[in-house]
Amino acid sequence: MPLDTQPDAQAVVACARKYVGVPWQHQGRLGQVGLDCAGLVIAVAHDLGLSTFERRAYSRWPDSQELRTILTAELCPIRLADVSPGDILLLASGRFVDHLALVGESPTSGCLTLIHAAACYRKVVEHRFAPPWSGMVRGCYRFPGIAAP
């Protein structure tokens, strides 16, 4: 992609999809070795030139408020009603608000999907954005400069 061209939401989704199948690794940042949920979002941002942000100093269950503060500083908060492919969701897993996922869209059904590195799957996966995942949303964000499709 030429440097003077801003990526769009489709580019964000396509970039995230290239990591599907990569093993889950806590604080992983190497796309073919291992990623965690934050590592996936960071990898997409770095690949597309959307951010140079990096952070690894967090426990397996990061501080929810600190995570929200970081997301709000680096990304644009949006309403759940405005979520579309290319956006980032902050999810609660159990009692912790500690998981990130990128929103995709099924090319066949048009349904929203989640692309995320999840410890429970042990890899980066894409699946339908449906219960229980849809009930876990605690925040919604968009990369700066990315318009909704």
N, C-alpha and C. Protein backbone atom coordinates (compact mmCIF):
# COMPACT_ATOMS: atom_id res chain seq x y z
N MET A 1 0.85 -1.17 0.00
CA MET A 1 0.00 0.00 0.00
C MET A 1 0.89 1.24 0.00
N PRO A 2 0.65 2.21 -0.89
CA PRO A 2 1.46 3.43 -0.90
C PRO A 2 1.35 4.17 0.43
N LEU A 3 2.43 4.84 0.82
CA LEU A 3 2.45 5.52 2.10
C LEU A 3 1.43 6.64 2.20
N ASP A 4 1.01 7.22 1.07
CA ASP A 4 0.06 8.32 1.12
C ASP A 4 -1.39 7.86 1.12
N THR A 5 -1.61 6.56 1.17
CA THR A 5 -2.96 6.01 1.18
C THR A 5 -3.29 5.53 2.59
N GLN A 6 -4.37 6.05 3.14
CA GLN A 6 -4.82 5.64 4.47
C GLN A 6 -5.56 4.30 4.35
N PRO A 7 -5.21 3.30 5.17
CA PRO A 7 -5.94 2.05 5.13
C PRO A 7 -7.40 2.27 5.52
N ASP A 8 -8.28 1.38 5.07
CA ASP A 8 -9.69 1.47 5.43
C ASP A 8 -10.06 0.26 6.29
N ALA A 9 -11.33 0.18 6.65
CA ALA A 9 -11.81 -0.89 7.52
C ALA A 9 -11.57 -2.26 6.89
N GLN A 10 -11.73 -2.37 5.59
CA GLN A 10 -11.50 -3.65 4.91
C GLN A 10 -10.04 -4.08 5.05
N ALA A 11 -9.12 -3.11 4.98
CA ALA A 11 -7.71 -3.42 5.14
C ALA A 11 -7.42 -3.91 6.56
N VAL A 12 -8.08 -3.33 7.55
CA VAL A 12 -7.91 -3.77 8.94
C VAL A 12 -8.35 -5.22 9.08
N VAL A 13 -9.52 -5.55 8.54
CA VAL A 13 -10.04 -6.92 8.64
C VAL A 13 -9.13 -7.89 7.89
N ALA A 14 -8.72 -7.54 6.68
CA ALA A 14 -7.84 -8.42 5.90
C ALA A 14 -6.52 -8.66 6.63
N CYS A 15 -5.98 -7.61 7.22
CA CYS A 15 -4.73 -7.74 7.96
C CYS A 15 -4.91 -8.66 9.17
N ALA A 16 -5.99 -8.49 9.91
CA ALA A 16 -6.25 -9.35 11.08
C ALA A 16 -6.41 -10.81 10.64
N ARG A 17 -7.09 -11.03 9.53
CA ARG A 17 -7.33 -12.41 9.06
C ARG A 17 -6.05 -13.14 8.70
N LYS A 18 -5.03 -12.42 8.31
CA LYS A 18 -3.79 -13.12 7.94
C LYS A 18 -3.14 -13.79 9.16
N TYR A 19 -3.58 -13.41 10.36
CA TYR A 19 -3.03 -14.02 11.57
C TYR A 19 -3.87 -15.19 12.10
N VAL A 20 -5.01 -15.47 11.49
CA VAL A 20 -5.84 -16.59 11.95
C VAL A 20 -5.00 -17.88 11.89
N GLY A 21 -5.02 -18.60 12.98
CA GLY A 21 -4.25 -19.84 13.09
C GLY A 21 -2.93 -19.69 13.83
N VAL A 22 -2.45 -18.45 14.01
CA VAL A 22 -1.21 -18.22 14.76
C VAL A 22 -1.44 -18.62 16.21
N PRO A 23 -0.51 -19.32 16.83
CA PRO A 23 -0.71 -19.75 18.22
C PRO A 23 -0.90 -18.58 19.18
N TRP A 24 -1.69 -18.83 20.23
CA TRP A 24 -1.85 -17.86 21.30
C TRP A 24 -0.62 -17.94 22.19
N GLN A 25 -0.09 -16.78 22.57
CA GLN A 25 1.03 -16.71 23.50
C GLN A 25 0.89 -15.43 24.31
N HIS A 26 0.87 -15.55 25.63
CA HIS A 26 0.76 -14.38 26.50
C HIS A 26 1.86 -13.39 26.16
N GLN A 27 1.48 -12.13 25.91
CA GLN A 27 2.37 -11.04 25.52
C GLN A 27 3.09 -11.31 24.20
N GLY A 28 2.56 -12.23 23.40
CA GLY A 28 3.16 -12.54 22.11
C GLY A 28 3.02 -11.38 21.14
N ARG A 29 4.09 -11.11 20.41
CA ARG A 29 4.10 -10.02 19.44
C ARG A 29 4.66 -10.44 18.09
N LEU A 30 5.00 -11.70 17.93
CA LEU A 30 5.57 -12.17 16.66
C LEU A 30 4.50 -12.94 15.89
N GLY A 31 4.10 -12.36 14.78
CA GLY A 31 2.96 -12.85 14.02
C GLY A 31 2.95 -14.31 13.64
N GLN A 32 4.07 -14.93 13.41
CA GLN A 32 4.05 -16.34 13.05
C GLN A 32 4.48 -17.24 14.21
N VAL A 33 4.86 -16.63 15.32
CA VAL A 33 5.30 -17.39 16.49
C VAL A 33 4.20 -17.45 17.54
N GLY A 34 3.60 -16.32 17.86
CA GLY A 34 2.54 -16.28 18.85
C GLY A 34 2.08 -14.87 19.14
N LEU A 35 0.78 -14.74 19.39
CA LEU A 35 0.15 -13.46 19.70
C LEU A 35 -0.84 -13.65 20.83
N ASP A 36 -1.02 -12.62 21.64
CA ASP A 36 -2.18 -12.59 22.53
C ASP A 36 -3.15 -11.58 21.94
N CYS A 37 -4.25 -11.32 22.62
CA CYS A 37 -5.28 -10.45 22.05
C CYS A 37 -4.76 -9.04 21.81
N ALA A 38 -3.97 -8.50 22.73
CA ALA A 38 -3.39 -7.17 22.54
C ALA A 38 -2.36 -7.22 21.42
N GLY A 39 -1.58 -8.29 21.37
CA GLY A 39 -0.57 -8.45 20.34
C GLY A 39 -1.17 -8.45 18.94
N LEU A 40 -2.36 -9.04 18.79
CA LEU A 40 -3.03 -9.05 17.49
C LEU A 40 -3.40 -7.63 17.08
N VAL A 41 -4.01 -6.88 17.99
CA VAL A 41 -4.41 -5.50 17.68
C VAL A 41 -3.16 -4.66 17.37
N ILE A 42 -2.11 -4.83 18.16
CA ILE A 42 -0.86 -4.09 17.93
C ILE A 42 -0.24 -4.48 16.59
N ALA A 43 -0.23 -5.77 16.27
CA ALA A 43 0.34 -6.23 15.00
C ALA A 43 -0.40 -5.61 13.81
N VAL A 44 -1.72 -5.58 13.88
CA VAL A 44 -2.52 -4.99 12.80
C VAL A 44 -2.20 -3.49 12.68
N ALA A 45 -2.16 -2.80 13.82
CA ALA A 45 -1.86 -1.36 13.81
C ALA A 45 -0.48 -1.09 13.22
N HIS A 46 0.51 -1.90 13.62
CA HIS A 46 1.87 -1.71 13.10
C HIS A 46 1.94 -2.04 11.61
N ASP A 47 1.33 -3.16 11.21
CA ASP A 47 1.37 -3.57 9.81
C ASP A 47 0.80 -2.50 8.89
N LEU A 48 -0.26 -1.84 9.34
CA LEU A 48 -0.95 -0.86 8.50
C LEU A 48 -0.46 0.57 8.73
N GLY A 49 0.52 0.74 9.60
CA GLY A 49 1.05 2.07 9.87
C GLY A 49 0.07 2.96 10.62
N LEU A 50 -0.82 2.35 11.41
CA LEU A 50 -1.82 3.12 12.15
C LEU A 50 -1.31 3.57 13.51
N SER A 51 -0.28 2.91 14.03
CA SER A 51 0.25 3.24 15.35
C SER A 51 1.59 2.54 15.53
N THR A 52 2.43 3.10 16.37
CA THR A 52 3.67 2.45 16.76
C THR A 52 3.61 2.05 18.23
N PHE A 53 2.42 2.16 18.81
CA PHE A 53 2.24 1.85 20.22
C PHE A 53 2.67 0.42 20.54
N GLU A 54 3.24 0.23 21.70
CA GLU A 54 3.64 -1.10 22.17
C GLU A 54 3.53 -1.13 23.69
N ARG A 55 3.06 -2.22 24.19
CA ARG A 55 2.96 -2.38 25.65
C ARG A 55 3.00 -3.87 25.97
N ARG A 56 3.86 -4.26 26.90
CA ARG A 56 3.93 -5.67 27.30
C ARG A 56 3.86 -5.86 28.81
N ALA A 57 4.01 -4.82 29.56
CA ALA A 57 4.09 -4.94 31.01
C ALA A 57 2.70 -5.10 31.62
N TYR A 58 2.10 -6.26 31.42
CA TYR A 58 0.79 -6.52 32.02
C TYR A 58 0.71 -7.99 32.41
N SER A 59 -0.12 -8.25 33.40
CA SER A 59 -0.28 -9.63 33.86
C SER A 59 -1.25 -10.36 32.95
N ARG A 60 -1.45 -11.60 33.21
CA ARG A 60 -2.39 -12.41 32.43
C ARG A 60 -3.79 -11.82 32.56
N TRP A 61 -4.09 -11.17 33.66
CA TRP A 61 -5.37 -10.49 33.87
C TRP A 61 -5.07 -9.02 34.12
N PRO A 62 -4.98 -8.22 33.03
CA PRO A 62 -4.60 -6.82 33.20
C PRO A 62 -5.63 -6.02 33.98
N ASP A 63 -5.17 -4.89 34.52
CA ASP A 63 -6.04 -3.98 35.24
C ASP A 63 -7.05 -3.38 34.27
N SER A 64 -8.33 -3.57 34.52
CA SER A 64 -9.38 -3.13 33.60
C SER A 64 -9.36 -1.63 33.35
N GLN A 65 -9.19 -0.85 34.41
CA GLN A 65 -9.20 0.61 34.24
C GLN A 65 -7.98 1.08 33.46
N GLU A 66 -6.83 0.50 33.75
CA GLU A 66 -5.62 0.86 33.00
C GLU A 66 -5.78 0.50 31.52
N LEU A 67 -6.37 -0.65 31.23
CA LEU A 67 -6.59 -1.07 29.85
C LEU A 67 -7.52 -0.08 29.13
N ARG A 68 -8.59 0.32 29.79
CA ARG A 68 -9.50 1.32 29.20
C ARG A 68 -8.78 2.64 28.94
N THR A 69 -7.95 3.07 29.87
CA THR A 69 -7.21 4.32 29.72
C THR A 69 -6.27 4.25 28.51
N ILE A 70 -5.57 3.14 28.36
CA ILE A 70 -4.67 2.96 27.23
C ILE A 70 -5.46 2.96 25.92
N LEU A 71 -6.56 2.22 25.88
CA LEU A 71 -7.36 2.15 24.65
C LEU A 71 -7.91 3.52 24.26
N THR A 72 -8.40 4.26 25.24
CA THR A 72 -8.95 5.59 24.96
C THR A 72 -7.86 6.55 24.48
N ALA A 73 -6.64 6.39 24.97
CA ALA A 73 -5.54 7.25 24.54
C ALA A 73 -5.07 6.92 23.12
N GLU A 74 -5.15 5.65 22.73
CA GLU A 74 -4.62 5.22 21.43
C GLU A 74 -5.68 5.10 20.34
N LEU A 75 -6.93 4.87 20.74
CA LEU A 75 -8.01 4.61 19.79
C LEU A 75 -9.15 5.60 20.00
N CYS A 76 -10.11 5.58 19.10
CA CYS A 76 -11.28 6.45 19.20
C CYS A 76 -12.46 5.67 19.78
N PRO A 77 -12.93 6.03 20.97
CA PRO A 77 -14.10 5.34 21.53
C PRO A 77 -15.33 5.57 20.64
N ILE A 78 -16.13 4.53 20.46
CA ILE A 78 -17.37 4.61 19.70
C ILE A 78 -18.47 3.90 20.47
N ARG A 79 -19.71 4.10 20.03
CA ARG A 79 -20.85 3.42 20.67
C ARG A 79 -21.00 2.01 20.08
N LEU A 80 -21.51 1.10 20.89
CA LEU A 80 -21.75 -0.26 20.43
C LEU A 80 -22.66 -0.26 19.19
N ALA A 81 -23.64 0.63 19.16
CA ALA A 81 -24.55 0.70 18.02
C ALA A 81 -23.83 1.08 16.73
N ASP A 82 -22.64 1.67 16.84
CA ASP A 82 -21.89 2.11 15.67
C ASP A 82 -20.79 1.13 15.25
N VAL A 83 -20.67 0.01 15.93
CA VAL A 83 -19.60 -0.95 15.64
C VAL A 83 -19.78 -1.53 14.24
N SER A 84 -18.65 -1.61 13.54
CA SER A 84 -18.65 -2.18 12.19
C SER A 84 -17.31 -2.89 11.98
N PRO A 85 -17.18 -3.62 10.88
CA PRO A 85 -15.91 -4.31 10.62
C PRO A 85 -14.73 -3.36 10.70
N GLY A 86 -13.64 -3.86 11.28
CA GLY A 86 -12.42 -3.07 11.48
C GLY A 86 -12.31 -2.46 12.86
N ASP A 87 -13.40 -2.49 13.64
CA ASP A 87 -13.39 -1.91 14.98
C ASP A 87 -12.81 -2.90 15.99
N ILE A 88 -12.50 -2.39 17.17
CA ILE A 88 -11.92 -3.18 18.26
C ILE A 88 -12.89 -3.20 19.42
N LEU A 89 -13.09 -4.38 20.00
CA LEU A 89 -13.97 -4.52 21.15
C LEU A 89 -13.15 -4.89 22.38
N LEU A 90 -13.53 -4.29 23.50
CA LEU A 90 -13.00 -4.65 24.81
C LEU A 90 -14.04 -5.55 25.45
N LEU A 91 -13.61 -6.75 25.84
CA LEU A 91 -14.55 -7.76 26.33
C LEU A 91 -14.21 -8.18 27.76
N ALA A 92 -15.24 -8.57 28.48
CA ALA A 92 -15.08 -9.13 29.82
C ALA A 92 -15.01 -10.64 29.70
N SER A 93 -13.99 -11.22 30.29
CA SER A 93 -13.93 -12.68 30.35
C SER A 93 -13.99 -13.06 31.82
N GLY A 94 -15.15 -13.51 32.22
CA GLY A 94 -15.36 -13.75 33.64
C GLY A 94 -15.46 -12.43 34.37
N ARG A 95 -14.74 -12.31 35.47
CA ARG A 95 -14.83 -11.08 36.27
C ARG A 95 -13.87 -9.99 35.79
N PHE A 96 -13.02 -10.29 34.84
CA PHE A 96 -12.05 -9.33 34.35
C PHE A 96 -12.47 -8.75 33.00
N VAL A 97 -12.27 -7.45 32.83
CA VAL A 97 -12.43 -6.80 31.52
C VAL A 97 -11.03 -6.76 30.94
N ASP A 98 -10.70 -7.79 30.15
CA ASP A 98 -9.30 -8.01 29.81
C ASP A 98 -9.03 -8.59 28.43
N HIS A 99 -10.01 -8.55 27.55
CA HIS A 99 -9.82 -9.22 26.26
C HIS A 99 -10.16 -8.27 25.12
N LEU A 100 -9.37 -8.33 24.06
CA LEU A 100 -9.58 -7.50 22.87
C LEU A 100 -9.88 -8.38 21.67
N ALA A 101 -10.75 -7.89 20.80
CA ALA A 101 -11.07 -8.59 19.56
C ALA A 101 -11.32 -7.56 18.48
N LEU A 102 -10.96 -7.91 17.26
CA LEU A 102 -11.28 -7.08 16.10
C LEU A 102 -12.57 -7.59 15.49
N VAL A 103 -13.36 -6.69 14.95
CA VAL A 103 -14.63 -7.04 14.33
C VAL A 103 -14.40 -7.29 12.84
N GLY A 104 -14.92 -8.40 12.37
CA GLY A 104 -14.90 -8.73 10.95
C GLY A 104 -16.31 -8.88 10.44
N GLU A 105 -16.42 -9.40 9.24
CA GLU A 105 -17.74 -9.63 8.65
C GLU A 105 -17.65 -10.87 7.77
N SER A 106 -18.59 -11.77 7.94
CA SER A 106 -18.61 -12.98 7.13
C SER A 106 -18.87 -12.63 5.67
N PRO A 107 -18.02 -13.11 4.77
CA PRO A 107 -18.25 -12.81 3.35
C PRO A 107 -19.48 -13.51 2.78
N THR A 108 -19.94 -14.55 3.45
CA THR A 108 -21.10 -15.28 2.93
C THR A 108 -22.41 -14.82 3.55
N SER A 109 -22.43 -14.60 4.86
CA SER A 109 -23.70 -14.25 5.51
C SER A 109 -23.84 -12.76 5.81
N GLY A 110 -22.72 -12.03 5.83
CA GLY A 110 -22.76 -10.62 6.19
C GLY A 110 -22.83 -10.39 7.69
N CYS A 111 -22.85 -11.47 8.49
CA CYS A 111 -22.89 -11.35 9.95
C CYS A 111 -21.54 -10.88 10.46
N LEU A 112 -21.58 -10.12 11.56
CA LEU A 112 -20.33 -9.70 12.18
C LEU A 112 -19.61 -10.90 12.78
N THR A 113 -18.29 -10.83 12.75
CA THR A 113 -17.45 -11.87 13.32
C THR A 113 -16.47 -11.24 14.30
N LEU A 114 -15.84 -12.07 15.10
CA LEU A 114 -14.74 -11.64 15.97
C LEU A 114 -13.47 -12.31 15.48
N ILE A 115 -12.40 -11.53 15.41
CA ILE A 115 -11.08 -12.06 15.11
C ILE A 115 -10.24 -11.75 16.34
N HIS A 116 -9.77 -12.80 17.00
CA HIS A 116 -9.04 -12.56 18.24
C HIS A 116 -8.14 -13.73 18.60
N ALA A 117 -7.12 -13.42 19.39
CA ALA A 117 -6.22 -14.44 19.92
C ALA A 117 -6.74 -14.79 21.30
N ALA A 118 -7.23 -15.98 21.45
CA ALA A 118 -7.88 -16.38 22.71
C ALA A 118 -7.18 -17.58 23.33
N ALA A 119 -6.87 -17.45 24.61
CA ALA A 119 -6.24 -18.55 25.33
C ALA A 119 -7.11 -19.81 25.28
N CYS A 120 -8.44 -19.63 25.31
CA CYS A 120 -9.33 -20.80 25.32
C CYS A 120 -9.27 -21.59 24.01
N TYR A 121 -8.89 -20.95 22.91
CA TYR A 121 -8.74 -21.63 21.63
C TYR A 121 -7.28 -21.97 21.33
N ARG A 122 -6.35 -21.34 22.08
CA ARG A 122 -4.91 -21.53 21.93
C ARG A 122 -4.37 -21.03 20.60
N LYS A 123 -5.14 -20.13 19.93
CA LYS A 123 -4.69 -19.57 18.67
C LYS A 123 -5.57 -18.38 18.30
N VAL A 124 -5.21 -17.70 17.21
CA VAL A 124 -6.04 -16.64 16.66
C VAL A 124 -7.16 -17.30 15.86
N VAL A 125 -8.39 -16.87 16.13
CA VAL A 125 -9.55 -17.47 15.48
C VAL A 125 -10.48 -16.38 14.94
N GLU A 126 -11.36 -16.78 14.06
CA GLU A 126 -12.46 -15.93 13.63
C GLU A 126 -13.72 -16.74 13.74
N HIS A 127 -14.72 -16.17 14.39
CA HIS A 127 -16.01 -16.85 14.54
C HIS A 127 -17.11 -15.80 14.61
N ARG A 128 -18.32 -16.27 14.52
CA ARG A 128 -19.47 -15.37 14.54
C ARG A 128 -19.53 -14.59 15.85
N PHE A 129 -19.92 -13.34 15.76
CA PHE A 129 -20.08 -12.47 16.93
C PHE A 129 -21.48 -12.73 17.48
N ALA A 130 -21.56 -13.73 18.32
CA ALA A 130 -22.83 -14.21 18.87
C ALA A 130 -22.60 -14.57 20.34
N PRO A 131 -23.70 -14.87 21.08
CA PRO A 131 -23.53 -15.27 22.48
C PRO A 131 -22.57 -16.46 22.58
N PRO A 132 -21.76 -16.50 23.62
CA PRO A 132 -21.71 -15.58 24.75
C PRO A 132 -20.89 -14.32 24.48
N TRP A 133 -20.15 -14.30 23.38
CA TRP A 133 -19.24 -13.19 23.10
C TRP A 133 -19.96 -11.85 23.00
N SER A 134 -21.11 -11.82 22.39
CA SER A 134 -21.82 -10.55 22.20
C SER A 134 -22.26 -9.93 23.52
N GLY A 135 -22.42 -10.73 24.55
CA GLY A 135 -22.78 -10.21 25.87
C GLY A 135 -21.61 -9.78 26.71
N MET A 136 -20.40 -9.92 26.18
CA MET A 136 -19.18 -9.62 26.95
C MET A 136 -18.61 -8.23 26.64
N VAL A 137 -19.22 -7.48 25.73
CA VAL A 137 -18.67 -6.19 25.29
C VAL A 137 -18.73 -5.17 26.41
N ARG A 138 -17.60 -4.53 26.70
CA ARG A 138 -17.52 -3.49 27.72
C ARG A 138 -16.97 -2.18 27.17
N GLY A 139 -16.56 -2.19 25.91
CA GLY A 139 -16.06 -0.98 25.27
C GLY A 139 -15.86 -1.22 23.79
N CYS A 140 -15.98 -0.15 23.00
CA CYS A 140 -15.86 -0.24 21.54
C CYS A 140 -14.95 0.89 21.06
N TYR A 141 -14.06 0.59 20.12
CA TYR A 141 -13.06 1.54 19.69
C TYR A 141 -12.82 1.40 18.19
N ARG A 142 -12.25 2.46 17.62
CA ARG A 142 -11.89 2.45 16.20
C ARG A 142 -10.49 3.04 16.07
N PHE A 143 -9.69 2.50 15.16
CA PHE A 143 -8.40 3.10 14.88
C PHE A 143 -8.59 4.52 14.37
N PRO A 144 -7.78 5.46 14.81
CA PRO A 144 -7.88 6.83 14.28
C PRO A 144 -7.71 6.83 12.76
N GLY A 145 -8.53 7.59 12.09
CA GLY A 145 -8.43 7.72 10.64
C GLY A 145 -9.16 6.65 9.85
N ILE A 146 -9.70 5.66 10.52
CA ILE A 146 -10.45 4.60 9.82
C ILE A 146 -11.92 4.97 9.86
N ALA A 147 -12.51 5.15 8.69
CA ALA A 147 -13.93 5.47 8.62
C ALA A 147 -14.74 4.19 8.63
N ALA A 148 -15.95 4.27 9.15
CA ALA A 148 -16.85 3.12 9.13
C ALA A 148 -17.20 2.81 7.68
N PRO A 149 -17.32 1.52 7.35
CA PRO A 149 -17.64 1.16 5.95
C PRO A 149 -19.03 1.63 5.56
